[in-house]
Protein backbone atom coordinates (compact mmCIF):
# COMPACT_ATOMS: atom_id res chain seq x y z
CA MET A 1 -17.92 30.90 -17.82
CA GLY A 2 -16.40 32.06 -14.76
CA TRP A 3 -14.05 30.20 -12.14
CA ALA A 4 -16.05 26.48 -13.30
CA ALA A 5 -14.57 27.24 -16.89
CA ASP A 6 -11.29 25.93 -15.43
CA TRP A 7 -13.17 22.65 -15.18
CA ILE A 8 -13.74 22.42 -19.02
CA GLU A 9 -11.21 22.74 -21.79
CA GLN A 10 -13.24 23.03 -24.76
CA THR A 11 -10.96 21.87 -27.57
CA LYS A 12 -7.53 20.63 -27.98
CA LEU A 13 -5.23 19.83 -30.62
CA TRP A 14 -5.22 16.50 -32.39
CA VAL A 15 -2.33 15.80 -33.89
CA ARG A 16 -2.97 13.28 -37.20
CA GLY A 17 -0.33 10.55 -37.52
CA ALA A 18 -0.32 9.99 -40.92
CA GLU A 19 2.91 10.39 -42.98
CA GLY A 20 3.52 12.80 -46.10
CA GLY A 21 3.44 16.21 -44.23
CA LYS A 22 -0.28 16.58 -43.58
CA ALA A 23 -1.49 19.72 -41.63
CA ASP A 24 -2.59 18.63 -37.61
CA GLU A 25 -6.16 19.00 -37.55
CA GLN A 26 -7.72 20.22 -34.72
CA GLN A 27 -10.66 18.37 -32.90
CA ARG A 28 -14.12 19.86 -33.03
CA PRO A 29 -15.35 20.75 -29.54
CA LEU A 30 -17.87 18.35 -28.41
CA ALA A 31 -21.24 20.47 -28.71
CA GLN A 32 -19.97 20.62 -32.32
CA ARG A 33 -19.79 16.99 -32.86
CA LEU A 34 -23.13 16.25 -31.14
CA ASP A 35 -24.85 18.91 -33.56
CA ALA A 36 -22.74 17.25 -37.02
CA THR A 37 -23.83 14.83 -39.20
CA LEU A 38 -20.60 13.42 -40.33
CA ARG A 39 -17.56 12.26 -38.46
CA ARG A 40 -14.33 14.13 -39.30
CA GLY A 41 -11.02 12.62 -38.96
CA GLN A 42 -9.69 10.96 -35.95
CA GLU A 43 -12.95 11.24 -34.25
CA ALA A 44 -13.72 8.13 -31.93
CA LEU A 45 -17.57 8.09 -32.43
CA SER A 46 -19.94 9.44 -35.02
CA PRO A 47 -21.85 12.23 -34.09
CA ARG A 48 -25.14 9.73 -34.53
CA GLU A 49 -23.16 7.33 -32.23
CA LEU A 50 -22.47 10.17 -29.75
CA ARG A 51 -25.59 11.18 -29.82
CA ARG A 52 -27.19 8.02 -28.59
CA LEU A 53 -24.47 7.79 -25.96
CA LEU A 54 -25.75 11.04 -24.60
CA GLN A 55 -29.53 9.76 -24.32
CA GLU A 56 -28.15 6.40 -22.74
CA MET A 57 -26.36 8.47 -20.30
CA GLN A 58 -28.97 10.69 -19.54
CA GLN A 59 -31.35 7.75 -18.83
CA VAL A 60 -28.54 6.80 -16.01
CA ALA A 61 -28.72 10.05 -14.49
CA ASP A 62 -32.69 10.70 -14.88
CA ALA A 63 -33.84 12.03 -11.53
CA SER A 64 -37.12 10.82 -12.10
CA LEU A 65 -35.82 7.34 -12.25
CA SER A 66 -35.56 5.07 -8.74
CA ASP A 67 -31.77 4.19 -8.06
CA VAL A 68 -32.22 0.61 -9.10
CA GLU A 69 -34.02 1.44 -12.55
CA GLY A 70 -30.97 3.72 -13.56
CA GLY A 71 -28.68 1.43 -11.51
CA ARG A 72 -30.09 -1.02 -14.56
CA HIS A 73 -29.35 1.59 -17.53
CA ALA A 74 -26.09 1.81 -15.60
CA GLN A 75 -25.21 -1.92 -16.03
CA ALA A 76 -25.97 -1.80 -19.64
CA LEU A 77 -23.30 0.85 -20.36
CA MET A 78 -21.25 -0.64 -17.99
CA GLU A 79 -20.86 -3.74 -20.80
CA TRP A 80 -21.01 -1.52 -23.22
CA TYR A 81 -17.78 0.31 -21.79
CA ALA A 82 -15.94 -2.88 -21.17
CA LYS A 83 -16.14 -3.58 -24.94
CA ALA A 84 -15.32 -0.34 -26.24
CA GLU A 85 -11.72 0.82 -27.40
CA ALA A 86 -9.60 3.56 -25.38
CA PRO A 87 -10.73 6.39 -27.43
CA VAL A 88 -14.55 5.53 -26.96
CA HIS A 89 -13.82 5.94 -23.41
CA LYS A 90 -12.46 9.45 -23.74
CA ASP A 91 -15.58 10.52 -25.66
CA PHE A 92 -17.53 8.90 -22.61
CA TRP A 93 -15.81 10.85 -20.20
CA LEU A 94 -15.72 14.23 -22.26
CA LEU A 95 -19.83 13.64 -22.17
CA ALA A 96 -20.05 13.14 -18.70
CA ILE A 97 -17.93 16.34 -17.84
CA GLU A 98 -19.50 18.77 -20.13
CA GLN A 99 -22.88 17.52 -20.40
CA PHE A 100 -23.62 16.70 -17.06
CA GLY A 101 -21.24 19.29 -14.95
CA PRO A 102 -22.65 21.80 -12.56
CA ASP A 103 -24.74 25.12 -14.05
CA ALA A 104 -21.36 27.18 -14.85
CA LYS A 105 -23.55 30.56 -14.58
CA ALA A 106 -25.42 29.30 -11.04
CA LEU A 107 -22.00 28.17 -9.92
CA GLN A 108 -20.83 31.77 -10.20
CA ALA A 109 -23.40 33.66 -9.20
CA ALA A 110 -23.26 31.57 -6.20
CA ARG A 111 -19.32 31.92 -5.53
CA GLU A 112 -20.53 35.79 -5.99
CA ARG A 113 -22.73 35.62 -3.20
CA TYR A 114 -20.60 34.07 -0.75
CA ASP A 115 -17.54 36.43 -1.53
CA LYS A 116 -20.34 39.26 -0.88
CA ALA A 117 -21.56 37.99 2.44
CA ALA A 118 -21.18 40.67 4.70
CA SER A 119 -21.76 38.98 8.22
CA ASP A 120 -21.54 35.38 9.31
CA GLU A 121 -25.38 34.46 8.91
CA GLU A 122 -25.10 35.74 5.24
CA ARG A 123 -21.72 33.85 4.92
CA SER A 124 -23.65 30.59 5.96
CA GLN A 125 -26.55 30.94 3.85
CA ALA A 126 -24.53 31.81 0.89
CA GLU A 127 -22.11 28.26 1.73
CA VAL A 128 -25.58 26.67 1.43
CA ALA A 129 -26.12 28.42 -2.13
CA LEU A 130 -22.83 27.27 -3.08
CA ARG A 131 -22.65 23.70 -1.76
CA ARG A 132 -26.48 23.19 -3.56
CA ALA A 133 -24.91 24.77 -7.04
CA LEU A 134 -21.91 22.61 -6.84
CA ILE A 135 -24.47 19.37 -6.96
CA SER A 136 -24.86 18.23 -10.75
CA SER A 137 -26.23 15.60 -12.54
CA ARG A 138 -23.08 14.35 -13.04
CA THR A 139 -22.65 13.38 -9.51
CA ARG A 140 -25.98 11.88 -9.59
CA LEU A 141 -24.39 9.88 -12.40
CA LEU A 142 -21.90 8.52 -11.14
CA GLN A 143 -23.71 7.39 -8.39
CA ARG A 144 -25.84 5.22 -10.48
CA PHE A 145 -22.90 3.51 -11.75
CA ALA A 146 -22.09 2.54 -8.31
CA GLN A 147 -25.37 0.84 -7.70
CA PRO A 148 -25.01 -2.36 -9.61
CA GLN A 149 -23.00 -5.45 -8.82
CA GLY A 150 -19.69 -4.88 -10.05
CA GLY A 151 -19.86 -0.86 -10.39
CA LEU A 152 -17.92 0.61 -7.69
CA GLU A 153 -15.13 -1.57 -8.90
CA PHE A 154 -15.75 -0.16 -12.44
CA LEU A 155 -15.37 3.21 -11.28
CA VAL A 156 -12.15 2.63 -9.14
CA ASN A 157 -10.88 1.13 -12.81
CA MET A 158 -12.01 4.32 -14.70
CA ARG A 159 -10.17 6.42 -12.42
CA ALA A 160 -7.18 4.36 -12.99
CA GLN A 161 -7.42 4.98 -16.70
CA LEU A 162 -7.52 9.01 -15.74
CA LEU A 163 -4.80 8.70 -13.91
CA ALA A 164 -2.80 6.98 -16.41
CA LEU A 165 -3.33 10.13 -19.04
CA PRO A 166 -0.58 12.11 -20.18
CA LYS A 167 -0.39 15.28 -17.78
CA ALA A 168 -1.23 17.57 -21.12
CA GLU A 169 -4.38 16.13 -21.05
CA GLN A 170 -6.25 18.58 -18.43
CA ARG A 171 -9.54 18.50 -20.31
CA TYR A 172 -10.73 15.19 -17.99
CA VAL A 173 -9.38 16.59 -14.65
CA ALA A 174 -13.14 17.79 -13.75
CA LEU A 175 -14.17 13.92 -13.84
CA ASP A 176 -11.00 12.67 -12.05
CA ALA A 177 -11.56 15.59 -9.11
CA GLU A 178 -15.20 14.30 -8.89
CA LEU A 179 -14.27 10.66 -8.23
CA GLU A 180 -11.76 11.54 -5.96
CA HIS A 181 -14.24 13.13 -3.75
CA LEU A 182 -16.90 10.47 -3.99
CA PHE A 183 -14.02 7.99 -3.29
CA SER A 184 -13.04 9.44 -0.02
CA SER A 185 -16.74 9.23 1.28
CA TRP A 186 -17.52 5.91 -0.34
CA PHE A 187 -14.21 4.43 0.75
CA ASP A 188 -13.90 6.15 4.40
CA VAL A 189 -12.19 3.60 7.24
CA ALA A 190 -15.57 3.34 8.73
CA LEU A 191 -17.09 1.66 6.01
CA LEU A 192 -13.94 -0.74 5.65
CA GLU A 193 -13.30 -4.50 7.26
CA LEU A 194 -10.12 -5.05 8.79
CA LYS A 195 -9.74 -9.16 7.54
CA SER A 196 -6.97 -11.68 8.01
CA ILE A 197 -5.60 -13.19 5.35
CA ASN A 198 -3.97 -16.33 5.67
CA TRP A 199 -2.78 -20.04 3.94
CA ASP A 200 -6.71 -20.81 4.45
CA SER A 201 -8.01 -18.23 2.66
CA PRO A 202 -9.70 -18.59 -1.04
CA ALA A 203 -7.11 -19.38 -3.65
CA SER A 204 -8.31 -16.27 -5.43
CA LEU A 205 -7.32 -14.04 -2.65
CA LEU A 206 -4.26 -15.77 -2.64
CA GLU A 207 -3.84 -14.93 -5.90
CA LYS A 208 -4.36 -11.21 -5.49
CA LEU A 209 -1.74 -10.96 -2.96
CA ILE A 210 0.58 -12.51 -5.31
CA GLN A 211 -0.40 -10.05 -8.32
CA TYR A 212 -0.39 -6.98 -6.20
CA GLU A 213 2.82 -7.43 -4.10
CA ALA A 214 4.26 -3.96 -4.44
CA VAL A 215 7.35 -4.27 -2.24
CA HIS A 216 9.01 -7.58 -2.44
CA ASP A 217 7.75 -9.62 -5.46
CA ILE A 218 6.08 -13.23 -4.56
CA ARG A 219 8.04 -15.92 -6.34
CA SER A 220 6.18 -18.84 -5.96
CA TRP A 221 3.54 -20.52 -4.01
CA SER A 222 6.11 -21.68 -1.74
CA ASP A 223 7.46 -17.90 -0.78
CA LEU A 224 3.57 -17.14 -0.23
CA LYS A 225 3.33 -19.92 1.80
CA ASN A 226 6.34 -18.73 4.23
CA ARG A 227 4.82 -15.37 4.74
CA LEU A 228 1.80 -16.64 5.72
CA ASP A 229 3.65 -19.00 8.46
CA SER A 230 2.67 -19.25 11.91
CA ASP A 231 4.75 -16.76 12.89
CA ARG A 232 3.60 -14.18 10.25
CA ARG A 233 0.73 -12.12 9.94
CA CYS A 234 -1.34 -10.13 6.84
CA TYR A 235 -4.18 -8.19 7.39
CA GLY A 236 -6.26 -6.18 4.65
CA PHE A 237 -8.93 -3.61 4.22
CA PHE A 238 -11.67 -4.83 2.26
CA HIS A 239 -14.95 -2.69 1.29
CA PRO A 240 -18.17 -4.97 1.08
CA ARG A 241 -18.90 -3.91 -2.57
CA MET A 242 -15.57 -4.95 -3.32
CA PRO A 243 -15.11 -8.17 -1.59
CA ARG A 244 -12.67 -10.47 -3.73
CA VAL A 245 -9.66 -8.19 -3.06
CA PRO A 246 -8.06 -6.27 -0.42
CA LEU A 247 -7.74 -2.31 -0.90
CA ILE A 248 -4.33 -2.50 0.89
CA PHE A 249 -2.68 -5.22 2.90
CA VAL A 250 0.37 -5.50 5.37
CA GLU A 251 2.88 -8.29 5.94
CA VAL A 252 4.15 -8.65 9.37
CA ALA A 253 6.66 -10.86 11.09
CA LEU A 254 6.58 -11.54 14.70
CA LEU A 255 10.27 -11.44 15.89
CA ASP A 256 12.12 -11.07 19.30
CA LYS A 257 14.04 -8.27 17.61
CA MET A 258 13.87 -5.32 15.34
CA ALA A 259 14.62 -7.08 11.47
CA GLY A 260 17.82 -5.72 9.93
CA SER A 261 17.61 -8.16 6.71
CA MET A 262 15.21 -9.24 4.07
CA ALA A 263 16.68 -12.26 3.63
CA PRO A 264 15.95 -14.27 6.80
CA LEU A 265 12.60 -13.14 6.31
CA LEU A 266 12.50 -14.42 3.05
CA ASP A 267 13.91 -17.42 3.57
CA GLU A 268 11.78 -20.26 2.84
CA SER A 269 13.82 -23.03 4.80
CA ALA A 270 13.86 -21.00 7.90
CA ALA A 271 12.12 -22.50 10.89
CA ALA A 272 9.11 -20.36 11.95
CA ALA A 273 9.71 -18.06 15.15
CA ASP A 274 9.03 -19.05 19.16
CA LEU A 275 6.00 -16.75 19.21
CA SER A 276 6.07 -17.21 23.12
CA LYS A 277 9.23 -15.20 22.78
CA ALA A 278 7.86 -12.56 19.91
CA ASN A 279 8.42 -9.00 21.44
CA THR A 280 8.27 -7.18 18.14
CA ALA A 281 5.95 -6.57 15.00
CA ILE A 282 7.88 -5.85 12.01
CA PHE A 283 5.70 -4.91 9.07
CA TYR A 284 7.86 -5.19 5.41
CA SER A 285 5.39 -4.87 2.81
CA ILE A 286 2.91 -2.78 2.69
CA SER A 287 0.87 -2.57 -0.66
CA ASN A 288 -1.88 -0.52 -2.10
CA THR A 289 -3.80 -2.33 -4.74
CA GLN A 290 -6.34 -0.20 -6.81
CA THR A 291 -4.44 3.20 -8.72
CA GLY A 292 -8.01 4.50 -8.71
CA LEU A 293 -7.86 5.25 -4.80
CA LYS A 294 -5.17 7.65 -5.14
CA GLY A 295 -5.22 10.49 -2.64
CA VAL A 296 -7.76 8.19 -0.89
CA SER A 297 -5.57 7.72 2.31
CA PHE A 298 -6.11 4.67 4.28
CA GLY A 299 -2.94 3.18 5.17
CA ASP A 300 -2.51 4.97 8.38
CA SER A 301 -5.84 3.19 9.84
CA LEU A 302 -4.61 0.16 8.35
CA ILE A 303 -1.68 0.39 10.44
CA LYS A 304 -3.23 1.47 13.67
CA HIS A 305 -6.35 -1.10 13.10
CA VAL A 306 -3.69 -3.76 12.76
CA VAL A 307 -1.16 -2.81 15.64
CA GLU A 308 -4.98 -3.14 17.87
CA THR A 309 -5.52 -6.79 16.77
CA LEU A 310 -1.70 -8.02 17.55
CA THR A 311 -1.61 -6.53 20.91
CA ASP A 312 -5.14 -8.30 21.37
CA GLU A 313 -3.31 -11.47 20.20
CA PHE A 314 -0.24 -11.01 21.52
CA PRO A 315 0.11 -8.67 24.73
CA LYS A 316 3.66 -9.23 25.11
CA LEU A 317 4.11 -7.21 21.61
CA LYS A 318 6.17 -4.03 22.54
CA ASN A 319 7.86 -2.49 19.62
CA PHE A 320 6.03 -2.14 16.14
CA ALA A 321 8.41 -1.15 13.66
CA THR A 322 9.01 -1.47 9.82
CA LEU A 323 11.91 -2.73 7.66
CA SER A 324 11.16 -0.77 4.81
CA PRO A 325 12.83 0.37 1.27
CA ILE A 326 14.49 3.62 0.67
CA PRO A 327 13.07 3.94 -3.23
CA GLY A 328 14.45 7.62 -3.87
CA LEU A 329 17.91 7.15 -2.46
CA ARG A 330 20.01 6.26 -5.47
CA SER A 331 18.73 8.92 -7.79
CA TRP A 332 18.97 11.44 -4.95
CA LEU A 333 22.53 10.82 -4.09
CA ALA A 334 22.98 10.62 -7.87
CA LYS A 335 21.93 14.23 -8.37
CA ASN A 336 22.77 15.88 -4.94
CA GLY A 337 25.79 13.76 -3.90
CA ASP A 338 28.73 15.63 -4.40
CA ALA A 339 27.34 18.63 -2.47
CA VAL A 340 26.94 16.04 0.77
CA LEU A 341 30.59 14.63 -0.26
CA ALA A 342 32.00 18.54 -0.18
CA ASP A 343 30.99 18.74 3.31
CA LEU A 344 33.38 15.69 4.45
CA ASP A 345 36.21 16.34 6.61
CA ASP A 346 39.69 16.09 5.19
CA LYS A 347 40.51 12.67 6.25
CA GLN A 348 37.21 11.54 5.12
CA LYS A 349 37.86 12.91 2.08
CA ALA A 350 41.38 11.40 1.40
CA ALA A 351 40.00 7.96 2.34
CA LEU A 352 37.34 8.15 -0.02
CA GLU A 353 39.36 9.37 -2.79
CA GLN A 354 41.52 6.45 -2.34
CA SER A 355 38.79 3.96 -1.90
CA ALA A 356 36.06 5.37 -4.60
CA GLY A 357 39.14 7.08 -7.06
CA GLY A 358 37.46 10.33 -6.56
CA LEU A 359 35.17 12.51 -4.60
CA THR A 360 32.06 12.58 -6.88
CA ALA A 361 28.95 10.65 -6.28
CA ALA A 362 28.98 9.00 -9.47
CA GLN A 363 32.49 7.53 -8.14
CA LEU A 364 30.88 6.69 -5.19
CA LEU A 365 28.29 4.84 -6.86
CA ALA A 366 30.40 2.86 -9.28
CA ALA A 367 32.20 1.58 -5.85
CA LEU A 368 29.08 0.47 -4.68
CA ASP A 369 28.13 -2.12 -6.93
CA ASP A 370 28.89 -4.96 -4.38
CA PRO A 371 27.69 -3.74 -0.58
CA GLY A 372 27.30 -6.92 1.02
CA SER A 373 31.19 -7.71 0.78
CA LEU A 374 31.66 -4.06 2.55
CA SER A 375 32.63 -4.54 6.07
CA GLU A 376 31.78 -2.26 9.02
CA LYS A 377 34.86 -0.02 9.26
CA SER A 378 34.85 0.74 5.27
CA VAL A 379 34.91 4.01 4.24
CA LEU A 380 32.83 3.31 1.57
CA ARG A 381 30.00 2.01 3.30
CA GLN A 382 30.49 4.65 6.33
CA VAL A 383 29.42 7.38 3.79
CA ALA A 384 26.87 5.98 1.94
CA VAL A 385 25.26 5.51 5.35
CA HIS A 386 26.07 9.08 6.14
CA CYS A 387 24.10 9.92 3.05
CA ALA A 388 21.54 8.03 3.57
CA ALA A 389 20.67 9.46 7.15
CA ARG A 390 21.14 12.70 5.57
CA TYR A 391 18.74 12.14 2.64
CA LEU A 392 16.18 10.52 5.42
CA GLY A 393 16.71 12.51 8.37
CA ARG A 394 17.28 15.83 6.39
CA GLU A 395 15.82 16.59 3.02
CA THR A 396 12.57 17.87 2.82
CA ALA A 397 10.27 19.18 -0.09
CA LYS A 398 7.27 21.88 0.47
CA GLY A 399 8.18 20.64 4.27
CA ARG A 400 7.77 17.27 3.86
CA PRO A 401 10.12 14.24 3.75
CA LEU A 402 11.67 14.06 0.19
CA ASP A 403 11.36 9.87 0.09
CA ALA A 404 7.68 8.69 -0.37
CA VAL A 405 7.76 5.87 1.71
CA ALA A 406 9.43 8.14 4.68
CA ARG A 407 5.95 10.63 3.98
CA PHE A 408 4.11 7.91 4.15
CA HIS A 409 5.28 6.46 7.94
CA LEU A 410 6.29 9.54 9.33
CA GLY A 411 3.10 11.23 8.43
CA ASN A 412 1.44 8.29 10.56
CA GLY A 413 3.81 9.48 13.97
CA ALA A 414 6.95 6.72 13.28
CA ARG A 415 10.42 7.97 13.54
CA VAL A 416 13.55 7.07 11.50
CA GLU A 417 14.90 4.35 13.65
CA ARG A 418 17.74 2.77 12.28
CA LEU A 419 19.63 2.20 8.97
CA ASN A 420 20.42 -1.43 7.73
CA TRP A 421 23.31 -2.01 5.47
CA ALA A 422 23.14 -4.57 2.90
CA ALA A 423 19.45 -5.54 4.21
CA ASP A 424 18.22 -6.08 0.75
CA LEU A 425 20.82 -7.21 -2.12
CA SER A 426 17.52 -8.15 -4.60
CA THR A 427 18.31 -6.22 -8.19
CA LYS A 428 15.43 -3.63 -6.88
CA GLY A 429 16.92 -3.37 -3.49
CA LEU A 430 20.84 -2.31 -4.97
CA LYS A 431 18.78 0.04 -7.61
CA GLN A 432 17.19 1.95 -5.68
CA SER A 433 19.24 2.28 -2.29
CA MET A 434 22.69 -0.24 -2.79
CA GLY A 435 20.82 -2.78 -0.58
CA LEU A 436 19.99 -0.09 2.41
CA MET A 437 16.93 -0.09 4.26
CA VAL A 438 15.63 1.55 7.35
CA ASN A 439 13.52 0.81 10.38
CA TYR A 440 10.60 3.52 11.01
CA LEU A 441 9.69 2.99 14.58
CA TYR A 442 6.05 3.58 15.79
CA ASP A 443 6.42 4.34 19.58
CA LEU A 444 2.82 4.27 20.50
CA LYS A 445 3.40 6.69 23.15
CA ARG A 446 5.32 9.78 21.19
CA LEU A 447 3.02 9.07 17.70
CA ASP A 448 1.60 12.73 18.33
CA LYS A 449 4.89 14.47 19.51
CA HIS A 450 6.62 13.04 15.98
CA ARG A 451 3.50 14.38 14.10
CA SER A 452 3.93 17.82 15.64
CA LEU A 453 7.98 17.53 14.45
CA LEU A 454 6.98 16.97 11.31
CA ALA A 455 4.45 19.69 11.18
CA GLN A 456 7.55 21.89 12.09
CA GLY A 457 9.53 21.35 9.23
CA LYS A 458 11.52 18.60 11.59
CA ILE A 459 11.80 15.34 10.72
CA PRO A 460 11.93 12.70 13.82
CA VAL A 461 15.36 10.34 13.57
CA SER A 462 16.85 8.58 16.56
CA SER A 463 20.06 9.48 18.35
CA GLU A 464 21.84 6.96 16.25
CA VAL A 465 20.27 8.21 12.79
CA GLU A 466 21.20 12.16 14.21
CA SER A 467 24.53 11.16 14.42
CA LEU A 468 24.78 9.27 11.04
CA CYS A 469 23.39 12.93 9.75
CA LYS A 470 26.10 14.69 11.36
CA GLY A 471 29.07 12.25 9.80
């Protein structure tokens, strides 16, 4: 089968869940099931049902049919899929992978031709042949599903199902990879529309904000109204084929200084800020809404578009920054904190041992149960901030920032600007980062410089954070 054979795993062990010590049964390869007469064990569809489903999928992908006619067949299958159980979905996926994939022999031959190309001209021709060999009826099958109303959302939701599978289930990766490839074109930012979302937006859209808010839960309609007040802005990227839900949205506060705490931003009783004095835009929540679009990046473009939109409306805005969570801090400190604490000088160690009752990360974390009560001179607070600075300003994996939120903003050209103590005292904030939050600054004149530093494995940080890294 050659190199393309890695895309397909013909057989896997199917563990029967029956009691009594019965032996495990191996699931039959799909080809055997299609040729069989009777269902075996826990197979979702009988051979007859499987063959009927294959025929219906072949009608969808039939090249002799117009896209409109193929879309009609796809619509019928979408309605069937919506009513089917999860095991039946897996049979559908396997059929798409094994019965509609590229010709493995043709693909192998094209790959060998490309590898053997001796000149630029031969390599160019071989590349064309390889691209053609990669085109399969599965691509047309998926494209036809995108034709009818709701079809694109159907495919996005189907990929979300694939991504939710255990990592051990590798036989579906080809379908996941092809969907991701198609989505990278279908959801190109050039095809998306930036829309402002406000209190006058349709209720169904506002409900989506409540449903998909991933950073700071929206607790009520009054909470949402506060986030859409006159000193706030909310923007989302929309796809014309999925107009009822933003693919990603950002919440912005317009202030006269950099925000250092979530409490004032979420205070429903606070008066709106004076927009005539606003010089700073704070991005305090960015939420992706579609799990099925994982790997399709448009968050950086969202921020760029929002900055342009805001500066058009408010020419006095000079500073663009975030107030961001540090989701991986506490778990990193629990695993790696002992080594960081061992680097403290003798005076710091003595003070920490007296305050925390010891010099381990576990003892430090236990002593930080009430960060809001600690003064700026508290050794517990100083050591915790030092650890946070080390985590954000030094720790990398494969040359990329260790923290997921840091990877996003630093990858967009921001820098680690300031750490904020007791900035998020919610249960989630305490669990993730002992209440610490960080400002990432988008200095519009230095975005390329910061990206260049990051490409060299150097995390861009402010002088303040750099000094905290050193302790």
